[in-house]
Amino acid sequence: MELGKAVKTVFLARYLAGRALRAEINDGLNVIEQWNSANDFIFFARRGEVSSNRREDQEASMLSLHLLQNCMVHVNTLMIQKLLARPGWKGRLTVRDLHALTPLFQPQTA
């Protein structure tokens, strides 16, 4: 238990001292927020909530959600690849730009 506390303390010290680490963690959190926004968008009729108490219905809803998420990620990945394969994009993106690319786009609502 004491080792765990020491590891947490070292991580927190690195987090507070390192701007790059904070930025990387923030970027990761933004991806998760985008993922949650996609969930809300898919389950729009129930404000992002599973409406049934039946276990079978909940399971079907979650499996359907995962399937839709995977399809969205796949299609977005193909679109990104197709766009970046164009000659005009060659060499334009930095390593940081490429690191920030994600197929988890936040849906835009009207």
PDB file of N, CA and C in Angstrom:
ATOM      1  N   MET A   1       0.823  -1.178   0.000  1.00  0.00           N
ATOM      2  CA  MET A   1       0.000   0.000   0.000  1.00  0.00           C
ATOM      3  C   MET A   1       0.878   1.257   0.000  1.00  0.00           C
ATOM      4  N   GLU A   2       1.957   1.216   0.767  1.00  0.00           N
ATOM      5  CA  GLU A   2       2.861   2.369   0.822  1.00  0.00           C
ATOM      6  C   GLU A   2       3.541   2.599  -0.520  1.00  0.00           C
ATOM      7  N   LEU A   3       3.880   1.513  -1.215  1.00  0.00           N
ATOM      8  CA  LEU A   3       4.483   1.645  -2.542  1.00  0.00           C
ATOM      9  C   LEU A   3       3.504   2.319  -3.501  1.00  0.00           C
ATOM     10  N   GLY A   4       2.232   1.951  -3.420  1.00  0.00           N
ATOM     11  CA  GLY A   4       1.217   2.574  -4.253  1.00  0.00           C
ATOM     12  C   GLY A   4       1.119   4.066  -3.991  1.00  0.00           C
ATOM     13  N   LYS A   5       1.193   4.468  -2.724  1.00  0.00           N
ATOM     14  CA  LYS A   5       1.162   5.892  -2.384  1.00  0.00           C
ATOM     15  C   LYS A   5       2.377   6.612  -2.966  1.00  0.00           C
ATOM     16  N   ALA A   6       3.542   5.956  -2.903  1.00  0.00           N
ATOM     17  CA  ALA A   6       4.764   6.562  -3.440  1.00  0.00           C
ATOM     18  C   ALA A   6       4.662   6.720  -4.955  1.00  0.00           C
ATOM     19  N   VAL A   7       4.115   5.708  -5.639  1.00  0.00           N
ATOM     20  CA  VAL A   7       3.961   5.782  -7.090  1.00  0.00           C
ATOM     21  C   VAL A   7       3.012   6.919  -7.459  1.00  0.00           C
ATOM     22  N   LYS A   8       1.911   7.052  -6.731  1.00  0.00           N
ATOM     23  CA  LYS A   8       0.964   8.140  -6.981  1.00  0.00           C
ATOM     24  C   LYS A   8       1.618   9.501  -6.747  1.00  0.00           C
ATOM     25  N   THR A   9       2.428   9.606  -5.689  1.00  0.00           N
ATOM     26  CA  THR A   9       3.101  10.862  -5.390  1.00  0.00           C
ATOM     27  C   THR A   9       4.087  11.228  -6.489  1.00  0.00           C
ATOM     28  N   VAL A  10       4.833  10.252  -6.985  1.00  0.00           N
ATOM     29  CA  VAL A  10       5.785  10.500  -8.069  1.00  0.00           C
ATOM     30  C   VAL A  10       5.034  10.944  -9.322  1.00  0.00           C
ATOM     31  N   PHE A  11       3.926  10.268  -9.627  1.00  0.00           N
ATOM     32  CA  PHE A  11       3.145  10.651 -10.799  1.00  0.00           C
ATOM     33  C   PHE A  11       2.618  12.077 -10.657  1.00  0.00           C
ATOM     34  N   LEU A  12       2.067  12.413  -9.500  1.00  0.00           N
ATOM     35  CA  LEU A  12       1.536  13.759  -9.295  1.00  0.00           C
ATOM     36  C   LEU A  12       2.633  14.816  -9.409  1.00  0.00           C
ATOM     37  N   ALA A  13       3.817  14.512  -8.901  1.00  0.00           N
ATOM     38  CA  ALA A  13       4.934  15.454  -9.023  1.00  0.00           C
ATOM     39  C   ALA A  13       5.308  15.643 -10.493  1.00  0.00           C
ATOM     40  N   ARG A  14       5.361  14.533 -11.252  1.00  0.00           N
ATOM     41  CA  ARG A  14       5.646  14.626 -12.693  1.00  0.00           C
ATOM     42  C   ARG A  14       4.555  15.402 -13.410  1.00  0.00           C
ATOM     43  N   TYR A  15       3.305  15.169 -13.024  1.00  0.00           N
ATOM     44  CA  TYR A  15       2.169  15.846 -13.646  1.00  0.00           C
ATOM     45  C   TYR A  15       2.242  17.357 -13.402  1.00  0.00           C
ATOM     46  N   LEU A  16       2.501  17.741 -12.163  1.00  0.00           N
ATOM     47  CA  LEU A  16       2.561  19.161 -11.831  1.00  0.00           C
ATOM     48  C   LEU A  16       3.766  19.854 -12.458  1.00  0.00           C
ATOM     49  N   ALA A  17       4.869  19.135 -12.605  1.00  0.00           N
ATOM     50  CA  ALA A  17       6.084  19.734 -13.149  1.00  0.00           C
ATOM     51  C   ALA A  17       6.127  19.716 -14.666  1.00  0.00           C
ATOM     52  N   GLY A  18       5.401  18.818 -15.295  1.00  0.00           N
ATOM     53  CA  GLY A  18       5.539  18.632 -16.734  1.00  0.00           C
ATOM     54  C   GLY A  18       4.354  19.135 -17.533  1.00  0.00           C
ATOM     55  N   ARG A  19       4.568  20.219 -18.231  1.00  0.00           N
ATOM     56  CA  ARG A  19       3.489  20.773 -19.060  1.00  0.00           C
ATOM     57  C   ARG A  19       3.098  19.802 -20.173  1.00  0.00           C
ATOM     58  N   ALA A  20       4.068  19.122 -20.765  1.00  0.00           N
ATOM     59  CA  ALA A  20       3.781  18.182 -21.850  1.00  0.00           C
ATOM     60  C   ALA A  20       2.910  17.027 -21.360  1.00  0.00           C
ATOM     61  N   LEU A  21       3.187  16.525 -20.159  1.00  0.00           N
ATOM     62  CA  LEU A  21       2.381  15.433 -19.601  1.00  0.00           C
ATOM     63  C   LEU A  21       0.952  15.906 -19.349  1.00  0.00           C
ATOM     64  N   ARG A  22       0.797  17.114 -18.820  1.00  0.00           N
ATOM     65  CA  ARG A  22      -0.549  17.644 -18.593  1.00  0.00           C
ATOM     66  C   ARG A  22      -1.302  17.792 -19.910  1.00  0.00           C
ATOM     67  N   ALA A  23      -0.612  18.273 -20.933  1.00  0.00           N
ATOM     68  CA  ALA A  23      -1.252  18.432 -22.246  1.00  0.00           C
ATOM     69  C   ALA A  23      -1.660  17.081 -22.813  1.00  0.00           C
ATOM     70  N   GLU A  24      -0.793  16.073 -22.674  1.00  0.00           N
ATOM     71  CA  GLU A  24      -1.106  14.741 -23.195  1.00  0.00           C
ATOM     72  C   GLU A  24      -2.315  14.145 -22.476  1.00  0.00           C
ATOM     73  N   ILE A  25      -2.372  14.306 -21.171  1.00  0.00           N
ATOM     74  CA  ILE A  25      -3.512  13.789 -20.408  1.00  0.00           C
ATOM     75  C   ILE A  25      -4.775  14.542 -20.784  1.00  0.00           C
ATOM     76  N   ASN A  26      -4.682  15.851 -20.948  1.00  0.00           N
ATOM     77  CA  ASN A  26      -5.832  16.645 -21.354  1.00  0.00           C
ATOM     78  C   ASN A  26      -6.343  16.210 -22.728  1.00  0.00           C
ATOM     79  N   ASP A  27      -5.417  15.955 -23.662  1.00  0.00           N
ATOM     80  CA  ASP A  27      -5.808  15.484 -24.988  1.00  0.00           C
ATOM     81  C   ASP A  27      -6.558  14.153 -24.888  1.00  0.00           C
ATOM     82  N   GLY A  28      -6.069  13.262 -24.049  1.00  0.00           N
ATOM     83  CA  GLY A  28      -6.738  11.977 -23.852  1.00  0.00           C
ATOM     84  C   GLY A  28      -8.127  12.141 -23.268  1.00  0.00           C
ATOM     85  N   LEU A  29      -8.264  13.061 -22.321  1.00  0.00           N
ATOM     86  CA  LEU A  29      -9.578  13.324 -21.738  1.00  0.00           C
ATOM     87  C   LEU A  29     -10.537  13.905 -22.770  1.00  0.00           C
ATOM     88  N   ASN A  30     -10.016  14.740 -23.669  1.00  0.00           N
ATOM     89  CA  ASN A  30     -10.866  15.298 -24.726  1.00  0.00           C
ATOM     90  C   ASN A  30     -11.382  14.199 -25.647  1.00  0.00           C
ATOM     91  N   VAL A  31     -10.552  13.203 -25.925  1.00  0.00           N
ATOM     92  CA  VAL A  31     -10.992  12.077 -26.760  1.00  0.00           C
ATOM     93  C   VAL A  31     -12.137  11.341 -26.068  1.00  0.00           C
ATOM     94  N   ILE A  32     -12.008  11.129 -24.774  1.00  0.00           N
ATOM     95  CA  ILE A  32     -13.069  10.447 -24.020  1.00  0.00           C
ATOM     96  C   ILE A  32     -14.348  11.277 -24.031  1.00  0.00           C
ATOM     97  N   GLU A  33     -14.221  12.591 -23.891  1.00  0.00           N
ATOM     98  CA  GLU A  33     -15.404  13.454 -23.939  1.00  0.00           C
ATOM     99  C   GLU A  33     -16.077  13.376 -25.301  1.00  0.00           C
ATOM    100  N   GLN A  34     -15.270  13.325 -26.361  1.00  0.00           N
ATOM    101  CA  GLN A  34     -15.834  13.178 -27.702  1.00  0.00           C
ATOM    102  C   GLN A  34     -16.568  11.844 -27.822  1.00  0.00           C
ATOM    103  N   TRP A  35     -15.990  10.805 -27.261  1.00  0.00           N
ATOM    104  CA  TRP A  35     -16.614   9.479 -27.279  1.00  0.00           C
ATOM    105  C   TRP A  35     -17.962   9.538 -26.560  1.00  0.00           C
ATOM    106  N   ASN A  36     -17.998  10.207 -25.396  1.00  0.00           N
ATOM    107  CA  ASN A  36     -19.249  10.327 -24.654  1.00  0.00           C
ATOM    108  C   ASN A  36     -20.273  11.150 -25.430  1.00  0.00           C
ATOM    109  N   SER A  37     -19.822  12.172 -26.131  1.00  0.00           N
ATOM    110  CA  SER A  37     -20.737  12.960 -26.955  1.00  0.00           C
ATOM    111  C   SER A  37     -21.317  12.113 -28.077  1.00  0.00           C
ATOM    112  N   ALA A  38     -20.502  11.235 -28.637  1.00  0.00           N
ATOM    113  CA  ALA A  38     -20.996  10.330 -29.679  1.00  0.00           C
ATOM    114  C   ALA A  38     -22.051   9.392 -29.100  1.00  0.00           C
ATOM    115  N   ASN A  39     -21.824   8.913 -27.894  1.00  0.00           N
ATOM    116  CA  ASN A  39     -22.828   8.059 -27.240  1.00  0.00           C
ATOM    117  C   ASN A  39     -24.139   8.805 -27.067  1.00  0.00           C
ATOM    118  N   ASP A  40     -24.067  10.043 -26.598  1.00  0.00           N
ATOM    119  CA  ASP A  40     -25.276  10.847 -26.417  1.00  0.00           C
ATOM    120  C   ASP A  40     -25.975  11.077 -27.748  1.00  0.00           C
ATOM    121  N   PHE A  41     -25.186  11.290 -28.805  1.00  0.00           N
ATOM    122  CA  PHE A  41     -25.754  11.520 -30.132  1.00  0.00           C
ATOM    123  C   PHE A  41     -26.491  10.275 -30.627  1.00  0.00           C
ATOM    124  N   ILE A  42     -25.889   9.102 -30.422  1.00  0.00           N
ATOM    125  CA  ILE A  42     -26.495   7.852 -30.881  1.00  0.00           C
ATOM    126  C   ILE A  42     -27.774   7.560 -30.096  1.00  0.00           C
ATOM    127  N   PHE A  43     -27.742   7.783 -28.792  1.00  0.00           N
ATOM    128  CA  PHE A  43     -28.909   7.548 -27.944  1.00  0.00           C
ATOM    129  C   PHE A  43     -29.713   8.832 -27.754  1.00  0.00           C
ATOM    130  N   PHE A  44     -29.846   9.615 -28.811  1.00  0.00           N
ATOM    131  CA  PHE A  44     -30.443  10.943 -28.710  1.00  0.00           C
ATOM    132  C   PHE A  44     -31.873  10.939 -28.177  1.00  0.00           C
ATOM    133  N   ALA A  45     -32.635   9.901 -28.478  1.00  0.00           N
ATOM    134  CA  ALA A  45     -34.041   9.902 -28.090  1.00  0.00           C
ATOM    135  C   ALA A  45     -34.216   9.793 -26.585  1.00  0.00           C
ATOM    136  N   ARG A  46     -33.252   9.266 -25.893  1.00  0.00           N
ATOM    137  CA  ARG A  46     -33.345   9.083 -24.445  1.00  0.00           C
ATOM    138  C   ARG A  46     -32.300   9.919 -23.701  1.00  0.00           C
ATOM    139  N   ARG A  47     -31.839  10.977 -24.334  1.00  0.00           N
ATOM    140  CA  ARG A  47     -30.819  11.844 -23.742  1.00  0.00           C
ATOM    141  C   ARG A  47     -29.603  11.045 -23.281  1.00  0.00           C
ATOM    142  N   GLY A  48     -29.197  10.061 -24.080  1.00  0.00           N
ATOM    143  CA  GLY A  48     -28.005   9.287 -23.789  1.00  0.00           C
ATOM    144  C   GLY A  48     -28.176   8.214 -22.735  1.00  0.00           C
ATOM    145  N   GLU A  49     -29.404   7.932 -22.349  1.00  0.00           N
ATOM    146  CA  GLU A  49     -29.636   6.955 -21.288  1.00  0.00           C
ATOM    147  C   GLU A  49     -30.311   5.707 -21.838  1.00  0.00           C
ATOM    148  N   VAL A  50     -29.961   4.566 -21.256  1.00  0.00           N
ATOM    149  CA  VAL A  50     -30.652   3.322 -21.578  1.00  0.00           C
ATOM    150  C   VAL A  50     -31.972   3.354 -20.818  1.00  0.00           C
ATOM    151  N   SER A  51     -33.074   3.177 -21.532  1.00  0.00           N
ATOM    152  CA  SER A  51     -34.383   3.409 -20.920  1.00  0.00           C
ATOM    153  C   SER A  51     -35.021   2.179 -20.295  1.00  0.00           C
ATOM    154  N   SER A  52     -34.473   1.011 -20.526  1.00  0.00           N
ATOM    155  CA  SER A  52     -35.108  -0.211 -20.038  1.00  0.00           C
ATOM    156  C   SER A  52     -34.412  -0.739 -18.793  1.00  0.00           C
ATOM    157  N   ASN A  53     -35.196  -1.391 -17.934  1.00  0.00           N
ATOM    158  CA  ASN A  53     -34.638  -2.062 -16.763  1.00  0.00           C
ATOM    159  C   ASN A  53     -34.344  -3.530 -17.042  1.00  0.00           C
ATOM    160  N   ARG A  54     -34.803  -4.026 -18.181  1.00  0.00           N
ATOM    161  CA  ARG A  54     -34.579  -5.433 -18.522  1.00  0.00           C
ATOM    162  C   ARG A  54     -33.133  -5.619 -18.969  1.00  0.00           C
ATOM    163  N   ARG A  55     -32.484  -6.596 -18.379  1.00  0.00           N
ATOM    164  CA  ARG A  55     -31.078  -6.868 -18.666  1.00  0.00           C
ATOM    165  C   ARG A  55     -30.844  -7.156 -20.156  1.00  0.00           C
ATOM    166  N   GLU A  56     -31.750  -7.901 -20.777  1.00  0.00           N
ATOM    167  CA  GLU A  56     -31.597  -8.253 -22.187  1.00  0.00           C
ATOM    168  C   GLU A  56     -31.666  -7.006 -23.072  1.00  0.00           C
ATOM    169  N   ASP A  57     -32.579  -6.092 -22.747  1.00  0.00           N
ATOM    170  CA  ASP A  57     -32.702  -4.849 -23.515  1.00  0.00           C
ATOM    171  C   ASP A  57     -31.462  -3.969 -23.341  1.00  0.00           C
ATOM    172  N   GLN A  58     -30.956  -3.896 -22.121  1.00  0.00           N
ATOM    173  CA  GLN A  58     -29.750  -3.110 -21.854  1.00  0.00           C
ATOM    174  C   GLN A  58     -28.562  -3.681 -22.624  1.00  0.00           C
ATOM    175  N   GLU A  59     -28.454  -5.014 -22.599  1.00  0.00           N
ATOM    176  CA  GLU A  59     -27.350  -5.656 -23.312  1.00  0.00           C
ATOM    177  C   GLU A  59     -27.449  -5.409 -24.814  1.00  0.00           C
ATOM    178  N   ALA A  60     -28.657  -5.527 -25.367  1.00  0.00           N
ATOM    179  CA  ALA A  60     -28.846  -5.277 -26.799  1.00  0.00           C
ATOM    180  C   ALA A  60     -28.513  -3.824 -27.135  1.00  0.00           C
ATOM    181  N   SER A  61     -28.911  -2.894 -26.275  1.00  0.00           N
ATOM    182  CA  SER A  61     -28.604  -1.481 -26.501  1.00  0.00           C
ATOM    183  C   SER A  61     -27.106  -1.229 -26.486  1.00  0.00           C
ATOM    184  N   MET A  62     -26.418  -1.805 -25.521  1.00  0.00           N
ATOM    185  CA  MET A  62     -24.969  -1.589 -25.421  1.00  0.00           C
ATOM    186  C   MET A  62     -24.219  -2.248 -26.579  1.00  0.00           C
ATOM    187  N   LEU A  63     -24.629  -3.447 -26.961  1.00  0.00           N
ATOM    188  CA  LEU A  63     -23.985  -4.110 -28.091  1.00  0.00           C
ATOM    189  C   LEU A  63     -24.224  -3.330 -29.381  1.00  0.00           C
ATOM    190  N   SER A  64     -25.439  -2.798 -29.531  1.00  0.00           N
ATOM    191  CA  SER A  64     -25.748  -1.977 -30.710  1.00  0.00           C
ATOM    192  C   SER A  64     -24.919  -0.702 -30.705  1.00  0.00           C
ATOM    193  N   LEU A  65     -24.797  -0.090 -29.533  1.00  0.00           N
ATOM    194  CA  LEU A  65     -23.982   1.117 -29.406  1.00  0.00           C
ATOM    195  C   LEU A  65     -22.534   0.829 -29.786  1.00  0.00           C
ATOM    196  N   HIS A  66     -21.981  -0.255 -29.283  1.00  0.00           N
ATOM    197  CA  HIS A  66     -20.597  -0.611 -29.610  1.00  0.00           C
ATOM    198  C   HIS A  66     -20.423  -0.863 -31.100  1.00  0.00           C
ATOM    199  N   LEU A  67     -21.390  -1.534 -31.709  1.00  0.00           N
ATOM    200  CA  LEU A  67     -21.319  -1.786 -33.142  1.00  0.00           C
ATOM    201  C   LEU A  67     -21.346  -0.474 -33.925  1.00  0.00           C
ATOM    202  N   LEU A  68     -22.244   0.424 -33.559  1.00  0.00           N
ATOM    203  CA  LEU A  68     -22.315   1.727 -34.229  1.00  0.00           C
ATOM    204  C   LEU A  68     -21.035   2.537 -34.024  1.00  0.00           C
ATOM    205  N   GLN A  69     -20.493   2.500 -32.811  1.00  0.00           N
ATOM    206  CA  GLN A  69     -19.241   3.210 -32.536  1.00  0.00           C
ATOM    207  C   GLN A  69     -18.115   2.660 -33.407  1.00  0.00           C
ATOM    208  N   ASN A  70     -18.016   1.345 -33.477  1.00  0.00           N
ATOM    209  CA  ASN A  70     -16.971   0.735 -34.288  1.00  0.00           C
ATOM    210  C   ASN A  70     -17.122   1.101 -35.759  1.00  0.00           C
ATOM    211  N   CYS A  71     -18.362   1.127 -36.238  1.00  0.00           N
ATOM    212  CA  CYS A  71     -18.603   1.520 -37.630  1.00  0.00           C
ATOM    213  C   CYS A  71     -18.204   2.969 -37.867  1.00  0.00           C
ATOM    214  N   MET A  72     -18.559   3.853 -36.933  1.00  0.00           N
ATOM    215  CA  MET A  72     -18.189   5.265 -37.066  1.00  0.00           C
ATOM    216  C   MET A  72     -16.678   5.443 -37.080  1.00  0.00           C
ATOM    217  N   VAL A  73     -15.992   4.748 -36.195  1.00  0.00           N
ATOM    218  CA  VAL A  73     -14.534   4.843 -36.141  1.00  0.00           C
ATOM    219  C   VAL A  73     -13.923   4.320 -37.438  1.00  0.00           C
ATOM    220  N   HIS A  74     -14.447   3.218 -37.938  1.00  0.00           N
ATOM    221  CA  HIS A  74     -13.925   2.642 -39.178  1.00  0.00           C
ATOM    222  C   HIS A  74     -14.105   3.601 -40.358  1.00  0.00           C
ATOM    223  N   VAL A  75     -15.299   4.132 -40.510  1.00  0.00           N
ATOM    224  CA  VAL A  75     -15.573   5.060 -41.618  1.00  0.00           C
ATOM    225  C   VAL A  75     -14.720   6.319 -41.479  1.00  0.00           C
ATOM    226  N   ASN A  76     -14.643   6.880 -40.274  1.00  0.00           N
ATOM    227  CA  ASN A  76     -13.827   8.078 -40.066  1.00  0.00           C
ATOM    228  C   ASN A  76     -12.347   7.813 -40.345  1.00  0.00           C
ATOM    229  N   THR A  77     -11.863   6.638 -39.948  1.00  0.00           N
ATOM    230  CA  THR A  77     -10.473   6.281 -40.216  1.00  0.00           C
ATOM    231  C   THR A  77     -10.214   6.206 -41.715  1.00  0.00           C
ATOM    232  N   LEU A  78     -11.133   5.586 -42.454  1.00  0.00           N
ATOM    233  CA  LEU A  78     -10.978   5.514 -43.909  1.00  0.00           C
ATOM    234  C   LEU A  78     -10.976   6.902 -44.540  1.00  0.00           C
ATOM    235  N   MET A  79     -11.849   7.792 -44.037  1.00  0.00           N
ATOM    236  CA  MET A  79     -11.889   9.156 -44.586  1.00  0.00           C
ATOM    237  C   MET A  79     -10.596   9.914 -44.289  1.00  0.00           C
ATOM    238  N   ILE A  80     -10.081   9.766 -43.075  1.00  0.00           N
ATOM    239  CA  ILE A  80      -8.816  10.426 -42.719  1.00  0.00           C
ATOM    240  C   ILE A  80      -7.682   9.899 -43.599  1.00  0.00           C
ATOM    241  N   GLN A  81      -7.612   8.586 -43.760  1.00  0.00           N
ATOM    242  CA  GLN A  81      -6.565   7.989 -44.596  1.00  0.00           C
ATOM    243  C   GLN A  81      -6.654   8.487 -46.035  1.00  0.00           C
ATOM    244  N   LYS A  82      -7.869   8.552 -46.557  1.00  0.00           N
ATOM    245  CA  LYS A  82      -8.058   9.006 -47.931  1.00  0.00           C
ATOM    246  C   LYS A  82      -7.629  10.462 -48.087  1.00  0.00           C
ATOM    247  N   LEU A  83      -7.998  11.285 -47.128  1.00  0.00           N
ATOM    248  CA  LEU A  83      -7.621  12.693 -47.174  1.00  0.00           C
ATOM    249  C   LEU A  83      -6.110  12.869 -47.069  1.00  0.00           C
ATOM    250  N   LEU A  84      -5.491  12.180 -46.128  1.00  0.00           N
ATOM    251  CA  LEU A  84      -4.045  12.340 -45.916  1.00  0.00           C
ATOM    252  C   LEU A  84      -3.215  11.714 -47.031  1.00  0.00           C
ATOM    253  N   ALA A  85      -3.831  10.868 -47.850  1.00  0.00           N
ATOM    254  CA  ALA A  85      -3.108  10.267 -48.977  1.00  0.00           C
ATOM    255  C   ALA A  85      -2.972  11.251 -50.139  1.00  0.00           C
ATOM    256  N   ARG A  86      -3.717  12.348 -50.108  1.00  0.00           N
ATOM    257  CA  ARG A  86      -3.623  13.348 -51.169  1.00  0.00           C
ATOM    258  C   ARG A  86      -2.249  14.020 -51.126  1.00  0.00           C
ATOM    259  N   PRO A  87      -1.709  14.328 -52.293  1.00  0.00           N
ATOM    260  CA  PRO A  87      -0.365  14.918 -52.358  1.00  0.00           C
ATOM    261  C   PRO A  87      -0.222  16.228 -51.565  1.00  0.00           C
ATOM    262  N   GLY A  88      -1.263  17.024 -51.491  1.00  0.00           N
ATOM    263  CA  GLY A  88      -1.177  18.301 -50.790  1.00  0.00           C
ATOM    264  C   GLY A  88      -0.946  18.182 -49.294  1.00  0.00           C
ATOM    265  N   TRP A  89      -1.218  17.025 -48.726  1.00  0.00           N
ATOM    266  CA  TRP A  89      -1.041  16.826 -47.286  1.00  0.00           C
ATOM    267  C   TRP A  89       0.323  16.259 -46.930  1.00  0.00           C
ATOM    268  N   LYS A  90       1.065  15.801 -47.909  1.00  0.00           N
ATOM    269  CA  LYS A  90       2.363  15.166 -47.639  1.00  0.00           C
ATOM    270  C   LYS A  90       3.305  16.161 -46.963  1.00  0.00           C
ATOM    271  N   GLY A  91       3.775  15.839 -45.782  1.00  0.00           N
ATOM    272  CA  GLY A  91       4.733  16.652 -45.058  1.00  0.00           C
ATOM    273  C   GLY A  91       4.151  17.872 -44.356  1.00  0.00           C
ATOM    274  N   ARG A  92       2.855  18.092 -44.426  1.00  0.00           N
ATOM    275  CA  ARG A  92       2.247  19.279 -43.804  1.00  0.00           C
ATOM    276  C   ARG A  92       1.989  19.107 -42.311  1.00  0.00           C
ATOM    277  N   LEU A  93       1.747  17.885 -41.875  1.00  0.00           N
ATOM    278  CA  LEU A  93       1.415  17.659 -40.474  1.00  0.00           C
ATOM    279  C   LEU A  93       2.661  17.332 -39.664  1.00  0.00           C
ATOM    280  N   THR A  94       2.735  17.923 -38.489  1.00  0.00           N
ATOM    281  CA  THR A  94       3.838  17.637 -37.576  1.00  0.00           C
ATOM    282  C   THR A  94       3.537  16.345 -36.822  1.00  0.00           C
ATOM    283  N   VAL A  95       4.513  15.877 -36.071  1.00  0.00           N
ATOM    284  CA  VAL A  95       4.305  14.684 -35.250  1.00  0.00           C
ATOM    285  C   VAL A  95       3.187  14.941 -34.246  1.00  0.00           C
ATOM    286  N   ARG A  96       3.145  16.136 -33.691  1.00  0.00           N
ATOM    287  CA  ARG A  96       2.076  16.486 -32.729  1.00  0.00           C
ATOM    288  C   ARG A  96       0.709  16.493 -33.424  1.00  0.00           C
ATOM    289  N   ASP A  97       0.663  16.995 -34.651  1.00  0.00           N
ATOM    290  CA  ASP A  97      -0.596  16.979 -35.406  1.00  0.00           C
ATOM    291  C   ASP A  97      -1.073  15.545 -35.607  1.00  0.00           C
ATOM    292  N   LEU A  98      -0.162  14.681 -36.011  1.00  0.00           N
ATOM    293  CA  LEU A  98      -0.529  13.279 -36.249  1.00  0.00           C
ATOM    294  C   LEU A  98      -0.959  12.602 -34.950  1.00  0.00           C
ATOM    295  N   HIS A  99      -0.301  12.970 -33.858  1.00  0.00           N
ATOM    296  CA  HIS A  99      -0.654  12.405 -32.552  1.00  0.00           C
ATOM    297  C   HIS A  99      -2.074  12.817 -32.153  1.00  0.00           C
ATOM    298  N   ALA A 100      -2.486  14.003 -32.564  1.00  0.00           N
ATOM    299  CA  ALA A 100      -3.797  14.521 -32.180  1.00  0.00           C
ATOM    300  C   ALA A 100      -4.927  13.990 -33.052  1.00  0.00           C
ATOM    301  N   LEU A 101      -4.598  13.362 -34.171  1.00  0.00           N
ATOM    302  CA  LEU A 101      -5.657  12.825 -35.036  1.00  0.00           C
ATOM    303  C   LEU A 101      -6.409  11.712 -34.322  1.00  0.00           C
ATOM    304  N   THR A 102      -7.711  11.742 -34.446  1.00  0.00           N
ATOM    305  CA  THR A 102      -8.531  10.689 -33.876  1.00  0.00           C
ATOM    306  C   THR A 102      -9.772  10.497 -34.734  1.00  0.00           C
ATOM    307  N   PRO A 103     -10.200   9.277 -34.913  1.00  0.00           N
ATOM    308  CA  PRO A 103     -11.434   9.037 -35.662  1.00  0.00           C
ATOM    309  C   PRO A 103     -12.676   9.241 -34.812  1.00  0.00           C
ATOM    310  N   LEU A 104     -12.514   9.724 -33.580  1.00  0.00           N
ATOM    311  CA  LEU A 104     -13.636   9.939 -32.685  1.00  0.00           C
ATOM    312  C   LEU A 104     -14.100  11.387 -32.766  1.00  0.00           C
ATOM    313  N   PHE A 105     -14.674  11.742 -33.897  1.00  0.00           N
ATOM    314  CA  PHE A 105     -15.154  13.095 -34.070  1.00  0.00           C
ATOM    315  C   PHE A 105     -16.434  13.305 -33.299  1.00  0.00           C
ATOM    316  N   GLN A 106     -16.568  14.495 -32.749  1.00  0.00           N
ATOM    317  CA  GLN A 106     -17.795  14.848 -32.042  1.00  0.00           C
ATOM    318  C   GLN A 106     -18.858  15.180 -33.081  1.00  0.00           C
ATOM    319  N   PRO A 107     -20.001  14.513 -33.014  1.00  0.00           N
ATOM    320  CA  PRO A 107     -21.064  14.810 -33.972  1.00  0.00           C
ATOM    321  C   PRO A 107     -21.514  16.254 -33.830  1.00  0.00           C
ATOM    322  N   GLN A 108     -21.796  16.884 -34.944  1.00  0.00           N
ATOM    323  CA  GLN A 108     -22.293  18.258 -34.963  1.00  0.00           C
ATOM    324  C   GLN A 108     -23.805  18.220 -35.069  1.00  0.00           C
ATOM    325  N   THR A 109     -24.467  18.906 -34.171  1.00  0.00           N
ATOM    326  CA  THR A 109     -25.920  18.966 -34.235  1.00  0.00           C
ATOM    327  C   THR A 109     -26.343  20.321 -34.756  1.00  0.00           C
ATOM    328  N   ALA A 110     -27.476  20.358 -35.393  1.00  0.00           N
ATOM    329  CA  ALA A 110     -27.956  21.607 -35.987  1.00  0.00           C
ATOM    330  C   ALA A 110     -28.556  22.516 -34.957  1.00  0.00           C
TER     331      ALA A 110
END
